[in-house]
Protein backbone atom coordinates (compact mmCIF):
# COMPACT_ATOMS: atom_id res chain seq x y z
CA MET A 1 -93.22 7.52 16.80
CA GLU A 2 -92.65 8.66 13.64
CA LYS A 3 -90.10 12.10 13.90
CA LYS A 4 -92.67 15.10 12.78
CA THR A 5 -91.65 16.77 9.34
CA VAL A 6 -91.02 20.91 8.55
CA LYS A 7 -93.88 20.97 6.80
CA GLU A 8 -95.55 19.22 10.30
CA ARG A 9 -93.81 21.11 12.83
CA ARG A 10 -94.52 24.90 10.76
CA VAL A 11 -98.42 24.07 11.79
CA THR A 12 -97.81 22.74 15.61
CA PHE A 13 -98.56 25.56 18.60
CA PRO A 14 -96.06 27.75 19.34
CA PHE A 15 -94.58 27.46 15.71
CA SER A 16 -98.12 28.12 13.84
CA GLU A 17 -98.90 30.99 15.77
CA SER A 18 -95.51 33.00 15.59
CA LYS A 19 -94.85 35.79 13.72
CA LYS A 20 -91.26 35.93 15.21
CA VAL A 21 -88.88 33.54 16.93
CA LEU A 22 -85.98 35.16 19.25
CA LEU A 23 -83.34 33.88 21.14
CA VAL A 24 -82.49 35.73 24.70
CA SER A 25 -80.27 35.65 27.52
CA PHE A 26 -81.13 38.03 30.21
CA PRO A 27 -79.77 38.72 33.91
CA ASP A 28 -81.86 36.60 36.47
CA PRO A 29 -85.46 37.68 36.97
CA ASN A 30 -84.73 37.03 40.75
CA MET A 31 -81.67 37.68 41.34
CA SER A 32 -81.32 40.73 43.38
CA VAL A 33 -78.14 42.71 45.19
CA GLN A 34 -77.91 44.07 49.03
CA ASN A 35 -77.29 48.06 48.48
CA SER A 36 -73.82 48.29 51.11
CA GLU A 37 -75.10 51.65 52.38
CA THR A 38 -78.58 51.05 52.99
CA GLY A 39 -78.62 47.31 53.75
CA GLU A 40 -82.28 47.64 51.25
CA ASP A 41 -82.17 44.41 48.03
CA LEU A 42 -82.20 45.94 44.94
CA LYS A 43 -84.29 43.73 42.82
CA VAL A 44 -83.93 43.43 38.57
CA ASP A 45 -85.63 45.87 37.33
CA SER A 46 -84.07 48.51 34.35
CA LEU A 47 -82.60 50.83 36.35
CA ASN A 48 -80.81 48.82 38.64
CA LEU A 49 -79.40 46.70 35.53
CA ILE A 50 -78.12 50.12 34.42
CA ARG A 51 -76.58 51.16 37.73
CA TRP A 52 -74.69 47.87 37.66
CA ASN A 53 -73.52 48.40 33.75
CA ILE A 54 -75.40 45.26 32.32
CA LYS A 55 -76.30 46.56 28.69
CA LEU A 56 -79.70 46.16 28.19
CA ILE A 57 -81.63 45.56 24.87
CA LYS A 58 -84.92 45.60 25.66
CA SER A 59 -87.81 44.38 28.01
CA PHE A 60 -89.94 41.33 27.27
CA LYS A 61 -93.32 40.85 29.46
CA LEU A 62 -93.81 37.86 30.17
CA PRO A 63 -97.51 36.30 29.95
CA GLU A 64 -98.53 34.51 33.57
CA LYS A 65 -95.19 36.01 34.86
CA ASN A 66 -95.07 39.39 37.08
CA TYR A 67 -91.39 39.90 36.18
CA LYS A 68 -90.12 41.01 32.96
CA TYR A 69 -86.96 39.43 30.73
CA TYR A 70 -84.70 42.56 30.36
CA ALA A 71 -82.67 41.06 27.55
CA THR A 72 -78.70 41.60 27.33
CA GLU A 73 -78.23 39.49 23.82
CA ILE A 74 -81.18 38.87 20.80
CA VAL A 75 -81.25 36.92 17.99
CA GLU A 76 -83.65 36.82 15.93
CA LEU A 77 -84.32 33.80 13.87
CA ASP A 78 -85.19 33.23 10.21
CA GLN A 79 -87.25 30.05 8.70
CA ASN A 80 -84.37 27.61 8.58
CA GLN A 81 -83.10 28.46 11.52
CA ILE A 82 -86.87 28.28 13.43
CA ASP A 83 -86.88 24.59 11.70
CA SER A 84 -83.50 23.18 13.35
CA LEU A 85 -85.52 24.73 16.42
CA SER A 86 -88.57 23.10 16.08
CA HIS A 87 -86.83 19.87 15.31
CA ILE A 88 -84.83 19.61 18.43
CA LEU A 89 -88.07 21.01 20.34
CA LEU A 90 -90.66 18.63 18.49
CA ASN A 91 -88.52 15.59 17.19
CA TYR A 92 -86.62 14.74 20.23
CA LYS A 93 -87.44 12.18 22.26
CA PHE A 94 -86.63 9.93 25.28
CA LYS A 95 -86.61 5.84 25.14
CA LYS A 96 -89.08 5.47 28.15
CA ASN A 97 -87.44 2.10 28.85
CA LYS A 98 -83.91 4.07 29.04
CA LEU A 99 -85.45 6.84 30.81
CA SER A 100 -83.14 7.32 33.97
CA LYS A 101 -85.02 8.17 37.59
CA LEU A 102 -85.31 11.19 38.93
CA ARG A 103 -82.08 13.65 39.32
CA LEU A 104 -81.36 13.97 43.07
CA THR A 105 -78.71 16.09 42.55
CA PRO A 106 -79.46 20.13 43.47
CA THR A 107 -80.35 22.24 40.29
CA SER A 108 -80.57 26.19 40.14
CA SER A 109 -84.36 26.76 38.85
CA TYR A 110 -83.06 30.35 37.93
CA PRO A 111 -83.27 30.53 34.06
CA LYS A 112 -80.76 33.33 32.12
CA ASN A 113 -81.96 32.03 28.75
CA ALA A 114 -85.45 31.39 26.89
CA ILE A 115 -86.84 30.78 23.32
CA LEU A 116 -89.71 33.56 23.12
CA PHE A 117 -92.27 33.53 20.50
CA LEU A 118 -93.88 36.57 19.24
CA ASN A 119 -97.45 37.23 18.02
CA SER A 120 -98.18 40.13 15.28
CA ASN A 121 -98.42 42.70 18.30
CA ASN A 122 -94.16 42.05 19.22
CA LYS A 123 -95.89 40.06 22.20
CA VAL A 124 -95.19 37.53 23.59
CA PHE A 125 -97.32 34.43 23.93
CA SER A 126 -95.49 31.52 24.92
CA TYR A 127 -92.02 31.13 25.96
CA ILE A 128 -89.35 28.39 26.89
CA GLU A 129 -86.96 29.41 29.43
CA PHE A 130 -84.08 27.40 30.35
CA CYS A 131 -81.60 27.09 33.54
CA SER A 132 -78.27 25.34 31.99
CA GLU A 133 -76.44 25.31 35.77
CA GLY A 134 -79.22 23.04 36.69
CA TYR A 135 -80.33 21.76 33.26
CA GLN A 136 -84.01 22.54 33.66
CA PHE A 137 -86.58 24.15 31.36
CA SER A 138 -89.83 24.83 31.24
CA GLN A 139 -92.52 26.13 28.62
CA MET A 140 -95.51 28.38 29.22
CA PRO A 141 -98.29 27.93 28.78
CA ASP A 142 -97.72 24.75 30.62
CA GLU A 143 -97.96 21.47 27.72
CA THR A 144 -97.04 23.74 25.13
CA ILE A 145 -95.25 20.13 23.72
CA PRO A 146 -96.64 17.66 26.00
CA TYR A 147 -94.40 16.30 28.69
CA PHE A 148 -92.05 18.95 28.02
CA ASN A 149 -91.96 20.40 31.56
CA VAL A 150 -92.46 16.73 33.31
CA PHE A 151 -89.14 15.91 31.09
CA SER A 152 -86.69 18.57 32.34
CA TYR A 153 -86.52 16.43 35.78
CA TYR A 154 -84.70 13.14 33.53
CA ARG A 155 -81.26 12.92 33.46
CA GLU A 156 -81.87 12.34 29.89
CA SER A 157 -82.81 16.30 29.62
CA TRP A 158 -79.46 17.21 29.61
CA LYS A 159 -79.04 15.82 26.07
CA MET A 160 -81.59 17.44 24.78
CA ILE A 161 -80.06 21.03 26.63
CA ASP A 162 -76.09 20.86 25.01
CA LEU A 163 -78.64 21.04 21.72
CA ILE A 164 -80.34 23.91 22.75
CA ARG A 165 -77.08 24.84 24.14
CA ASP A 166 -75.56 24.60 20.54
CA PHE A 167 -77.91 26.23 19.04
CA PHE A 168 -77.85 29.19 20.78
CA LYS A 169 -74.18 29.51 20.98
CA SER A 170 -74.03 28.59 17.11
CA ASN A 171 -76.52 31.66 16.18
CA GLY A 172 -74.57 34.50 18.60
CA ILE A 173 -76.19 33.97 22.07
CA LYS A 174 -72.91 33.83 24.31
CA GLU A 175 -74.01 34.55 27.48
CA GLY A 176 -75.95 32.04 30.51
CA PHE A 177 -75.37 28.38 29.31
CA GLU A 178 -72.66 27.39 31.06
CA GLU A 179 -70.83 23.82 30.36
CA ARG A 180 -72.01 20.77 32.42
């Protein structure tokens, strides 16, 4: 399969529908801390994050999720950065004959970074979230990029995660991606 050109990538969903593309880092949305005085579980929400001295920049409501991302770092990409990102996401292919078996190592599924695709109303309509500890990622809506979610379960995906981690870091996102 031929690699997609910049022009082809720009007309491929979700890039074709995006008015803004953001890189974000955020605390684990499933995190909770137990209050030592009451024993109550405190869930991630804006008030608790402020109490925990976590600096919030903005919250984002996600389609098909019952929680928000409370961003602690945000980078809005320019067109050249978007083109570089689309090259990684749409042109990175694994060789089926060299595909390793499913990972058997324990993995975490708590994302701490995401690529958010915003429409003209500044609402998130698509996103890709990353969990670097477990080297997993997922997209919403499913199959925005064909086979992307399934690819996450293969060791070969680690190479893509490394490229994504380097992309985030080179564009100023410091939190969330740990070294393997």
